[in-house]
Amino acid sequence: MINPLQVVGATIIGVSQATGRILIFGGGAIGNGVVGPFYWRQLGRQLIEMGYQSLPVVGLTAIFTGMVLALQSYTGFARFQAESAIPTIVVLSVVRELGPVLAGLMVAGRVGAAMAAELGTMRVTEQIDALATLSTDPMRYLVFPRLVAGLIALPLLVVVANVIGVMGGYLVSVYKLGFGPIEYLNRTFEYLEIMDVVSGLVKAAVFGFIIALMGCYHGYNSEGGAQGVGTATTRAVVSASILILTANYFVTEAFFSR
């Protein structure tokens, strides 16, 4: 029994140490960033990278998700003569869950990897050390603007994803399943509440912060040349994806638990 217990203990210790290092890294970046100076140009660059340039992949994901959700809902609800609930199911599913989660996973794969690769390359080529030599705090210049951009960009992307996802469900329902346009829109907004939208946007902000934090942490601490940068990129995407799914449960529990 000693070896299995050793494995379990080592795993728990390793996870605890990694969690502590990430929390210290994020806290240090926020603490250094809020005191200024603030690099607005860096923030603008990251907002374009995370937000505007991620619109195509998020939009495509959202519209086909809405379309498939409408088709699958119709297939299931037709067995119980409950087809009229499809608009409500589509909008609540997209706004509460699928919009934030799928947008977060897409951005994690696209932007989280790019952040880790960029900072990892700067680390192994000693550009980060050069910034410190020039009296520029790397945490304030490189990390903090990315964290702020994550908090801002992903909720904006999720708003767009929600609209496009609901539109995808509308197109399939009206032009394929025979719903009336006015009837479908009325049913869509009949049971949608402000809290549904707010919960999705809060999730998006949390996910955006997680993506930026994981990308920056693994890239900033990469080592070992090109192979180390590749490893950091993989770890950034995997850890961000896992944390997004984990955080999704806890945020949902906080908003909708009874």
C-alpha atoms as a PDB file:
ATOM      1  CA  MET A   1       0.000   0.000   0.000  1.00  0.00           C
ATOM      2  CA  ILE A   2       2.980   2.336   0.324  1.00  0.00           C
ATOM      3  CA  ASN A   3       3.560   2.991  -3.384  1.00  0.00           C
ATOM      4  CA  PRO A   4      -0.077   3.929  -4.252  1.00  0.00           C
ATOM      5  CA  LEU A   5      -0.195   6.240  -1.240  1.00  0.00           C
ATOM      6  CA  GLN A   6       3.053   7.815  -2.328  1.00  0.00           C
ATOM      7  CA  VAL A   7       1.633   8.469  -5.773  1.00  0.00           C
ATOM      8  CA  VAL A   8      -1.525  10.024  -4.340  1.00  0.00           C
ATOM      9  CA  GLY A   9       0.445  12.145  -1.896  1.00  0.00           C
ATOM     10  CA  ALA A  10       2.901  13.304  -4.542  1.00  0.00           C
ATOM     11  CA  THR A  11       0.021  14.231  -6.851  1.00  0.00           C
ATOM     12  CA  ILE A  12      -1.744  16.257  -4.157  1.00  0.00           C
ATOM     13  CA  ILE A  13       1.471  18.036  -3.217  1.00  0.00           C
ATOM     14  CA  GLY A  14       2.275  18.749  -6.861  1.00  0.00           C
ATOM     15  CA  VAL A  15      -1.186  20.176  -7.561  1.00  0.00           C
ATOM     16  CA  SER A  16      -1.016  22.302  -4.398  1.00  0.00           C
ATOM     17  CA  GLN A  17       2.391  23.659  -5.323  1.00  0.00           C
ATOM     18  CA  ALA A  18       1.297  24.452  -8.888  1.00  0.00           C
ATOM     19  CA  THR A  19      -1.840  26.179  -7.606  1.00  0.00           C
ATOM     20  CA  GLY A  20       0.219  28.263  -5.206  1.00  0.00           C
ATOM     21  CA  ARG A  21       2.681  29.275  -7.926  1.00  0.00           C
ATOM     22  CA  ILE A  22      -0.147  30.306 -10.260  1.00  0.00           C
ATOM     23  CA  LEU A  23      -1.878  32.324  -7.530  1.00  0.00           C
ATOM     24  CA  ILE A  24       1.363  34.079  -6.611  1.00  0.00           C
ATOM     25  CA  PHE A  25       2.048  34.790 -10.294  1.00  0.00           C
ATOM     26  CA  GLY A  26      -1.430  36.213 -10.903  1.00  0.00           C
ATOM     27  CA  GLY A  27      -1.430  38.194  -7.671  1.00  0.00           C
ATOM     28  CA  GLY A  28       1.987  39.638  -8.481  1.00  0.00           C
ATOM     29  CA  ALA A  29       0.873  40.669 -11.972  1.00  0.00           C
ATOM     30  CA  ILE A  30      -2.257  42.378 -10.646  1.00  0.00           C
ATOM     31  CA  GLY A  31      -0.394  44.017  -7.762  1.00  0.00           C
ATOM     32  CA  ASN A  32       2.303  45.397 -10.040  1.00  0.00           C
ATOM     33  CA  GLY A  33      -0.146  46.413 -12.757  1.00  0.00           C
ATOM     34  CA  VAL A  34      -2.594  48.467 -10.717  1.00  0.00           C
ATOM     35  CA  VAL A  35       0.070  50.818  -9.390  1.00  0.00           C
ATOM     36  CA  GLY A  36       1.015  51.930 -12.919  1.00  0.00           C
ATOM     37  CA  PRO A  37       2.237  53.054 -15.271  1.00  0.00           C
ATOM     38  CA  PHE A  38      -0.347  51.409 -17.460  1.00  0.00           C
ATOM     39  CA  TYR A  39       0.571  50.439 -21.030  1.00  0.00           C
ATOM     40  CA  TRP A  40      -2.528  51.312 -23.043  1.00  0.00           C
ATOM     41  CA  ARG A  41      -0.980  50.362 -26.367  1.00  0.00           C
ATOM     42  CA  GLN A  42      -0.307  46.863 -25.076  1.00  0.00           C
ATOM     43  CA  LEU A  43      -3.911  46.599 -23.879  1.00  0.00           C
ATOM     44  CA  GLY A  44      -5.232  47.717 -27.264  1.00  0.00           C
ATOM     45  CA  ARG A  45      -3.038  45.189 -29.054  1.00  0.00           C
ATOM     46  CA  GLN A  46      -4.254  42.367 -26.829  1.00  0.00           C
ATOM     47  CA  LEU A  47      -7.903  43.391 -27.208  1.00  0.00           C
ATOM     48  CA  ILE A  48      -7.543  43.193 -30.983  1.00  0.00           C
ATOM     49  CA  GLU A  49      -5.775  39.842 -30.724  1.00  0.00           C
ATOM     50  CA  MET A  50      -8.194  38.275 -28.245  1.00  0.00           C
ATOM     51  CA  GLY A  51     -11.390  39.945 -29.389  1.00  0.00           C
ATOM     52  CA  TYR A  52     -11.540  41.112 -32.978  1.00  0.00           C
ATOM     53  CA  GLN A  53      -9.310  38.434 -34.483  1.00  0.00           C
ATOM     54  CA  SER A  54     -11.181  35.683 -32.620  1.00  0.00           C
ATOM     55  CA  LEU A  55     -14.575  36.707 -34.034  1.00  0.00           C
ATOM     56  CA  PRO A  56     -14.526  34.357 -37.071  1.00  0.00           C
ATOM     57  CA  VAL A  57     -13.857  31.149 -35.137  1.00  0.00           C
ATOM     58  CA  VAL A  58     -16.250  32.092 -32.325  1.00  0.00           C
ATOM     59  CA  GLY A  59     -18.959  33.131 -34.783  1.00  0.00           C
ATOM     60  CA  LEU A  60     -18.721  29.916 -36.795  1.00  0.00           C
ATOM     61  CA  THR A  61     -18.781  27.832 -33.633  1.00  0.00           C
ATOM     62  CA  ALA A  62     -21.821  29.694 -32.310  1.00  0.00           C
ATOM     63  CA  ILE A  63     -23.972  29.578 -35.435  1.00  0.00           C
ATOM     64  CA  PHE A  64     -23.487  25.865 -36.060  1.00  0.00           C
ATOM     65  CA  THR A  65     -24.014  25.128 -32.372  1.00  0.00           C
ATOM     66  CA  GLY A  66     -27.349  26.951 -32.466  1.00  0.00           C
ATOM     67  CA  MET A  67     -28.371  25.155 -35.648  1.00  0.00           C
ATOM     68  CA  VAL A  68     -27.476  21.710 -34.335  1.00  0.00           C
ATOM     69  CA  LEU A  69     -29.142  22.453 -30.989  1.00  0.00           C
ATOM     70  CA  ALA A  70     -32.402  23.339 -32.742  1.00  0.00           C
ATOM     71  CA  LEU A  71     -32.307  20.142 -34.815  1.00  0.00           C
ATOM     72  CA  GLN A  72     -31.499  17.904 -31.860  1.00  0.00           C
ATOM     73  CA  SER A  73     -34.128  19.574 -29.666  1.00  0.00           C
ATOM     74  CA  TYR A  74     -36.751  19.061 -32.342  1.00  0.00           C
ATOM     75  CA  THR A  75     -35.838  15.381 -32.696  1.00  0.00           C
ATOM     76  CA  GLY A  76     -36.231  14.835 -28.967  1.00  0.00           C
ATOM     77  CA  PHE A  77     -39.227  17.051 -28.217  1.00  0.00           C
ATOM     78  CA  ALA A  78     -41.248  15.772 -31.176  1.00  0.00           C
ATOM     79  CA  ARG A  79     -41.626  12.488 -29.293  1.00  0.00           C
ATOM     80  CA  PHE A  80     -43.550  14.331 -26.564  1.00  0.00           C
ATOM     81  CA  GLN A  81     -45.343  16.902 -28.753  1.00  0.00           C
ATOM     82  CA  ALA A  82     -43.305  19.657 -27.055  1.00  0.00           C
ATOM     83  CA  GLU A  83     -41.841  21.325 -30.154  1.00  0.00           C
ATOM     84  CA  SER A  84     -42.998  24.744 -28.929  1.00  0.00           C
ATOM     85  CA  ALA A  85     -40.286  24.646 -26.235  1.00  0.00           C
ATOM     86  CA  ILE A  86     -37.458  24.605 -28.793  1.00  0.00           C
ATOM     87  CA  PRO A  87     -36.947  28.423 -28.927  1.00  0.00           C
ATOM     88  CA  THR A  88     -36.694  28.585 -25.141  1.00  0.00           C
ATOM     89  CA  ILE A  89     -34.277  25.665 -24.946  1.00  0.00           C
ATOM     90  CA  VAL A  90     -32.066  27.123 -27.667  1.00  0.00           C
ATOM     91  CA  VAL A  91     -31.773  30.592 -26.172  1.00  0.00           C
ATOM     92  CA  LEU A  92     -31.258  29.404 -22.584  1.00  0.00           C
ATOM     93  CA  SER A  93     -28.706  26.785 -23.597  1.00  0.00           C
ATOM     94  CA  VAL A  94     -26.720  29.240 -25.714  1.00  0.00           C
ATOM     95  CA  VAL A  95     -26.855  32.183 -23.307  1.00  0.00           C
ATOM     96  CA  ARG A  96     -26.252  30.265 -20.084  1.00  0.00           C
ATOM     97  CA  GLU A  97     -23.820  27.535 -21.125  1.00  0.00           C
ATOM     98  CA  LEU A  98     -22.856  26.885 -24.715  1.00  0.00           C
ATOM     99  CA  GLY A  99     -22.011  30.447 -25.672  1.00  0.00           C
ATOM    100  CA  PRO A 100     -19.548  31.137 -22.826  1.00  0.00           C
ATOM    101  CA  VAL A 101     -18.072  27.628 -22.672  1.00  0.00           C
ATOM    102  CA  LEU A 102     -17.541  27.070 -26.387  1.00  0.00           C
ATOM    103  CA  ALA A 103     -16.244  30.604 -26.910  1.00  0.00           C
ATOM    104  CA  GLY A 104     -13.866  30.098 -23.986  1.00  0.00           C
ATOM    105  CA  LEU A 105     -12.564  26.811 -25.350  1.00  0.00           C
ATOM    106  CA  MET A 106     -12.090  28.260 -28.841  1.00  0.00           C
ATOM    107  CA  VAL A 107     -10.246  31.305 -27.516  1.00  0.00           C
ATOM    108  CA  ALA A 108      -8.150  29.096 -25.222  1.00  0.00           C
ATOM    109  CA  GLY A 109      -7.014  27.066 -28.201  1.00  0.00           C
ATOM    110  CA  ARG A 110      -6.316  30.102 -30.321  1.00  0.00           C
ATOM    111  CA  VAL A 111      -5.200  32.890 -27.986  1.00  0.00           C
ATOM    112  CA  GLY A 112      -3.937  30.919 -24.981  1.00  0.00           C
ATOM    113  CA  ALA A 113      -1.514  29.046 -27.199  1.00  0.00           C
ATOM    114  CA  ALA A 114      -0.394  32.265 -28.889  1.00  0.00           C
ATOM    115  CA  MET A 115       0.248  33.967 -25.546  1.00  0.00           C
ATOM    116  CA  ALA A 116       2.266  31.046 -24.224  1.00  0.00           C
ATOM    117  CA  ALA A 117       4.289  30.806 -27.442  1.00  0.00           C
ATOM    118  CA  GLU A 118       4.999  34.538 -27.543  1.00  0.00           C
ATOM    119  CA  LEU A 119       6.047  34.872 -23.918  1.00  0.00           C
ATOM    120  CA  GLY A 120       7.894  31.552 -24.040  1.00  0.00           C
ATOM    121  CA  THR A 121       9.929  32.730 -27.012  1.00  0.00           C
ATOM    122  CA  MET A 122      10.679  35.986 -25.223  1.00  0.00           C
ATOM    123  CA  ARG A 123      11.796  34.028 -22.173  1.00  0.00           C
ATOM    124  CA  VAL A 124      14.154  31.617 -23.957  1.00  0.00           C
ATOM    125  CA  THR A 125      15.616  34.431 -26.081  1.00  0.00           C
ATOM    126  CA  GLU A 126      16.154  36.525 -22.920  1.00  0.00           C
ATOM    127  CA  GLN A 127      13.932  39.380 -24.077  1.00  0.00           C
ATOM    128  CA  ILE A 128      12.107  39.349 -20.736  1.00  0.00           C
ATOM    129  CA  ASP A 129      15.423  39.710 -18.918  1.00  0.00           C
ATOM    130  CA  ALA A 130      16.247  42.599 -21.258  1.00  0.00           C
ATOM    131  CA  LEU A 131      13.022  44.363 -20.256  1.00  0.00           C
ATOM    132  CA  ALA A 132      14.000  44.090 -16.592  1.00  0.00           C
ATOM    133  CA  THR A 133      17.463  45.427 -17.432  1.00  0.00           C
ATOM    134  CA  LEU A 134      15.813  48.463 -19.060  1.00  0.00           C
ATOM    135  CA  SER A 135      13.834  49.107 -15.831  1.00  0.00           C
ATOM    136  CA  THR A 136      10.549  47.921 -17.366  1.00  0.00           C
ATOM    137  CA  ASP A 137       8.621  45.551 -15.135  1.00  0.00           C
ATOM    138  CA  PRO A 138       7.803  42.497 -17.323  1.00  0.00           C
ATOM    139  CA  MET A 139       4.765  41.631 -15.194  1.00  0.00           C
ATOM    140  CA  ARG A 140       3.344  45.116 -15.634  1.00  0.00           C
ATOM    141  CA  TYR A 141       4.233  45.391 -19.329  1.00  0.00           C
ATOM    142  CA  LEU A 142       3.537  41.859 -20.582  1.00  0.00           C
ATOM    143  CA  VAL A 143       1.187  40.081 -18.190  1.00  0.00           C
ATOM    144  CA  PHE A 144      -1.189  42.660 -16.702  1.00  0.00           C
ATOM    145  CA  PRO A 145      -2.493  44.027 -20.056  1.00  0.00           C
ATOM    146  CA  ARG A 146      -3.238  40.463 -21.166  1.00  0.00           C
ATOM    147  CA  LEU A 147      -5.194  39.750 -17.989  1.00  0.00           C
ATOM    148  CA  VAL A 148      -7.254  42.912 -18.410  1.00  0.00           C
ATOM    149  CA  ALA A 149      -7.812  42.135 -22.092  1.00  0.00           C
ATOM    150  CA  GLY A 150      -9.088  38.680 -21.160  1.00  0.00           C
ATOM    151  CA  LEU A 151     -11.593  40.177 -18.738  1.00  0.00           C
ATOM    152  CA  ILE A 152     -12.884  42.601 -21.370  1.00  0.00           C
ATOM    153  CA  ALA A 153     -12.624  40.731 -24.676  1.00  0.00           C
ATOM    154  CA  LEU A 154     -14.273  37.417 -23.869  1.00  0.00           C
ATOM    155  CA  PRO A 155     -17.568  38.872 -22.527  1.00  0.00           C
ATOM    156  CA  LEU A 156     -17.804  40.961 -25.708  1.00  0.00           C
ATOM    157  CA  LEU A 157     -17.166  37.847 -27.793  1.00  0.00           C
ATOM    158  CA  VAL A 158     -19.826  35.958 -25.851  1.00  0.00           C
ATOM    159  CA  VAL A 159     -22.399  38.676 -26.544  1.00  0.00           C
ATOM    160  CA  VAL A 160     -21.727  38.244 -30.258  1.00  0.00           C
ATOM    161  CA  ALA A 161     -21.718  34.433 -29.910  1.00  0.00           C
ATOM    162  CA  ASN A 162     -25.096  34.526 -28.136  1.00  0.00           C
ATOM    163  CA  VAL A 163     -26.691  36.582 -30.891  1.00  0.00           C
ATOM    164  CA  ILE A 164     -25.213  34.420 -33.655  1.00  0.00           C
ATOM    165  CA  GLY A 165     -26.090  31.168 -31.868  1.00  0.00           C
ATOM    166  CA  VAL A 166     -29.724  32.190 -31.363  1.00  0.00           C
ATOM    167  CA  MET A 167     -29.825  33.306 -35.001  1.00  0.00           C
ATOM    168  CA  GLY A 168     -28.595  29.860 -36.073  1.00  0.00           C
ATOM    169  CA  GLY A 169     -31.426  28.221 -34.148  1.00  0.00           C
ATOM    170  CA  TYR A 170     -33.870  30.715 -35.674  1.00  0.00           C
ATOM    171  CA  LEU A 171     -32.739  29.956 -39.234  1.00  0.00           C
ATOM    172  CA  VAL A 172     -33.095  26.198 -38.830  1.00  0.00           C
ATOM    173  CA  SER A 173     -36.397  26.426 -36.970  1.00  0.00           C
ATOM    174  CA  VAL A 174     -38.031  28.842 -39.398  1.00  0.00           C
ATOM    175  CA  TYR A 175     -36.698  27.612 -42.733  1.00  0.00           C
ATOM    176  CA  LYS A 176     -36.428  23.887 -42.023  1.00  0.00           C
ATOM    177  CA  LEU A 177     -38.693  22.979 -39.124  1.00  0.00           C
ATOM    178  CA  GLY A 178     -41.664  25.135 -40.087  1.00  0.00           C
ATOM    179  CA  PHE A 179     -41.839  27.626 -37.188  1.00  0.00           C
ATOM    180  CA  GLY A 180     -43.376  31.039 -37.778  1.00  0.00           C
ATOM    181  CA  PRO A 181     -40.809  33.874 -37.470  1.00  0.00           C
ATOM    182  CA  ILE A 182     -42.854  35.986 -35.065  1.00  0.00           C
ATOM    183  CA  GLU A 183     -43.923  32.973 -33.029  1.00  0.00           C
ATOM    184  CA  TYR A 184     -40.315  31.805 -32.715  1.00  0.00           C
ATOM    185  CA  LEU A 185     -39.035  35.215 -31.586  1.00  0.00           C
ATOM    186  CA  ASN A 186     -41.842  35.593 -29.064  1.00  0.00           C
ATOM    187  CA  ARG A 187     -41.088  32.188 -27.565  1.00  0.00           C
ATOM    188  CA  THR A 188     -37.364  32.997 -27.547  1.00  0.00           C
ATOM    189  CA  PHE A 189     -37.716  36.036 -25.319  1.00  0.00           C
ATOM    190  CA  GLU A 190     -40.726  34.886 -23.279  1.00  0.00           C
ATOM    191  CA  TYR A 191     -38.725  33.060 -20.613  1.00  0.00           C
ATOM    192  CA  LEU A 192     -35.308  34.713 -21.016  1.00  0.00           C
ATOM    193  CA  GLU A 193     -34.358  36.654 -17.880  1.00  0.00           C
ATOM    194  CA  ILE A 194     -31.669  39.196 -17.111  1.00  0.00           C
ATOM    195  CA  MET A 195     -29.963  36.758 -14.747  1.00  0.00           C
ATOM    196  CA  ASP A 196     -29.493  34.287 -17.593  1.00  0.00           C
ATOM    197  CA  VAL A 197     -27.540  36.855 -19.593  1.00  0.00           C
ATOM    198  CA  VAL A 198     -25.596  38.125 -16.576  1.00  0.00           C
ATOM    199  CA  SER A 199     -24.521  34.643 -15.536  1.00  0.00           C
ATOM    200  CA  GLY A 200     -23.167  33.963 -19.027  1.00  0.00           C
ATOM    201  CA  LEU A 201     -21.216  37.219 -19.088  1.00  0.00           C
ATOM    202  CA  VAL A 202     -19.766  36.577 -15.631  1.00  0.00           C
ATOM    203  CA  LYS A 203     -18.663  33.151 -16.819  1.00  0.00           C
ATOM    204  CA  ALA A 204     -17.084  34.754 -19.878  1.00  0.00           C
ATOM    205  CA  ALA A 205     -15.096  37.204 -17.741  1.00  0.00           C
ATOM    206  CA  VAL A 206     -13.870  34.382 -15.504  1.00  0.00           C
ATOM    207  CA  PHE A 207     -12.935  32.259 -18.520  1.00  0.00           C
ATOM    208  CA  GLY A 208     -11.117  35.159 -20.173  1.00  0.00           C
ATOM    209  CA  PHE A 209      -9.048  35.749 -17.048  1.00  0.00           C
ATOM    210  CA  ILE A 210      -8.236  32.027 -16.829  1.00  0.00           C
ATOM    211  CA  ILE A 211      -7.136  31.885 -20.469  1.00  0.00           C
ATOM    212  CA  ALA A 212      -4.864  34.897 -20.118  1.00  0.00           C
ATOM    213  CA  LEU A 213      -3.462  33.722 -16.791  1.00  0.00           C
ATOM    214  CA  MET A 214      -2.631  30.231 -18.041  1.00  0.00           C
ATOM    215  CA  GLY A 215      -1.129  31.498 -21.268  1.00  0.00           C
ATOM    216  CA  CYS A 216       1.024  34.050 -19.481  1.00  0.00           C
ATOM    217  CA  TYR A 217       2.054  31.761 -16.632  1.00  0.00           C
ATOM    218  CA  HIS A 218       3.223  28.863 -18.765  1.00  0.00           C
ATOM    219  CA  GLY A 219       4.875  31.092 -21.337  1.00  0.00           C
ATOM    220  CA  TYR A 220       6.578  33.306 -18.765  1.00  0.00           C
ATOM    221  CA  ASN A 221       8.032  30.309 -16.928  1.00  0.00           C
ATOM    222  CA  SER A 222       9.004  28.231 -19.954  1.00  0.00           C
ATOM    223  CA  GLU A 223      12.555  26.972 -20.306  1.00  0.00           C
ATOM    224  CA  GLY A 224      14.583  24.622 -22.459  1.00  0.00           C
ATOM    225  CA  GLY A 225      14.571  26.314 -25.860  1.00  0.00           C
ATOM    226  CA  ALA A 226      12.111  25.493 -28.635  1.00  0.00           C
ATOM    227  CA  GLN A 227      10.995  22.242 -26.989  1.00  0.00           C
ATOM    228  CA  GLY A 228      10.228  24.095 -23.768  1.00  0.00           C
ATOM    229  CA  VAL A 229       8.131  26.657 -25.665  1.00  0.00           C
ATOM    230  CA  GLY A 230       6.151  23.851 -27.290  1.00  0.00           C
ATOM    231  CA  THR A 231       5.563  22.207 -23.925  1.00  0.00           C
ATOM    232  CA  ALA A 232       4.457  25.507 -22.398  1.00  0.00           C
ATOM    233  CA  THR A 233       2.003  26.058 -25.256  1.00  0.00           C
ATOM    234  CA  THR A 234       0.448  22.623 -24.788  1.00  0.00           C
ATOM    235  CA  ARG A 235       0.189  23.071 -21.024  1.00  0.00           C
ATOM    236  CA  ALA A 236      -1.415  26.489 -21.427  1.00  0.00           C
ATOM    237  CA  VAL A 237      -4.200  25.172 -23.669  1.00  0.00           C
ATOM    238  CA  VAL A 238      -4.850  22.015 -21.646  1.00  0.00           C
ATOM    239  CA  SER A 239      -4.824  23.731 -18.248  1.00  0.00           C
ATOM    240  CA  ALA A 240      -7.027  26.598 -19.479  1.00  0.00           C
ATOM    241  CA  SER A 241      -9.554  24.165 -20.976  1.00  0.00           C
ATOM    242  CA  ILE A 242      -9.730  22.089 -17.787  1.00  0.00           C
ATOM    243  CA  LEU A 243     -10.067  25.157 -15.579  1.00  0.00           C
ATOM    244  CA  ILE A 244     -12.793  26.585 -17.830  1.00  0.00           C
ATOM    245  CA  LEU A 245     -14.881  23.443 -17.445  1.00  0.00           C
ATOM    246  CA  THR A 246     -14.215  23.355 -13.707  1.00  0.00           C
ATOM    247  CA  ALA A 247     -14.997  27.036 -13.169  1.00  0.00           C
ATOM    248  CA  ASN A 248     -18.156  26.656 -15.251  1.00  0.00           C
ATOM    249  CA  TYR A 249     -19.650  24.336 -12.656  1.00  0.00           C
ATOM    250  CA  PHE A 250     -18.826  26.575  -9.696  1.00  0.00           C
ATOM    251  CA  VAL A 251     -20.128  29.752 -11.351  1.00  0.00           C
ATOM    252  CA  THR A 252     -23.316  27.921 -12.333  1.00  0.00           C
ATOM    253  CA  GLU A 253     -23.660  26.662  -8.776  1.00  0.00           C
ATOM    254  CA  ALA A 254     -23.240  30.190  -7.445  1.00  0.00           C
ATOM    255  CA  PHE A 255     -25.957  31.625  -9.717  1.00  0.00           C
ATOM    256  CA  PHE A 256     -28.546  28.877  -9.928  1.00  0.00           C
ATOM    257  CA  SER A 257     -28.253  26.750  -6.796  1.00  0.00           C
ATOM    258  CA  ARG A 258     -31.379  26.534  -4.697  1.00  0.00           C
END
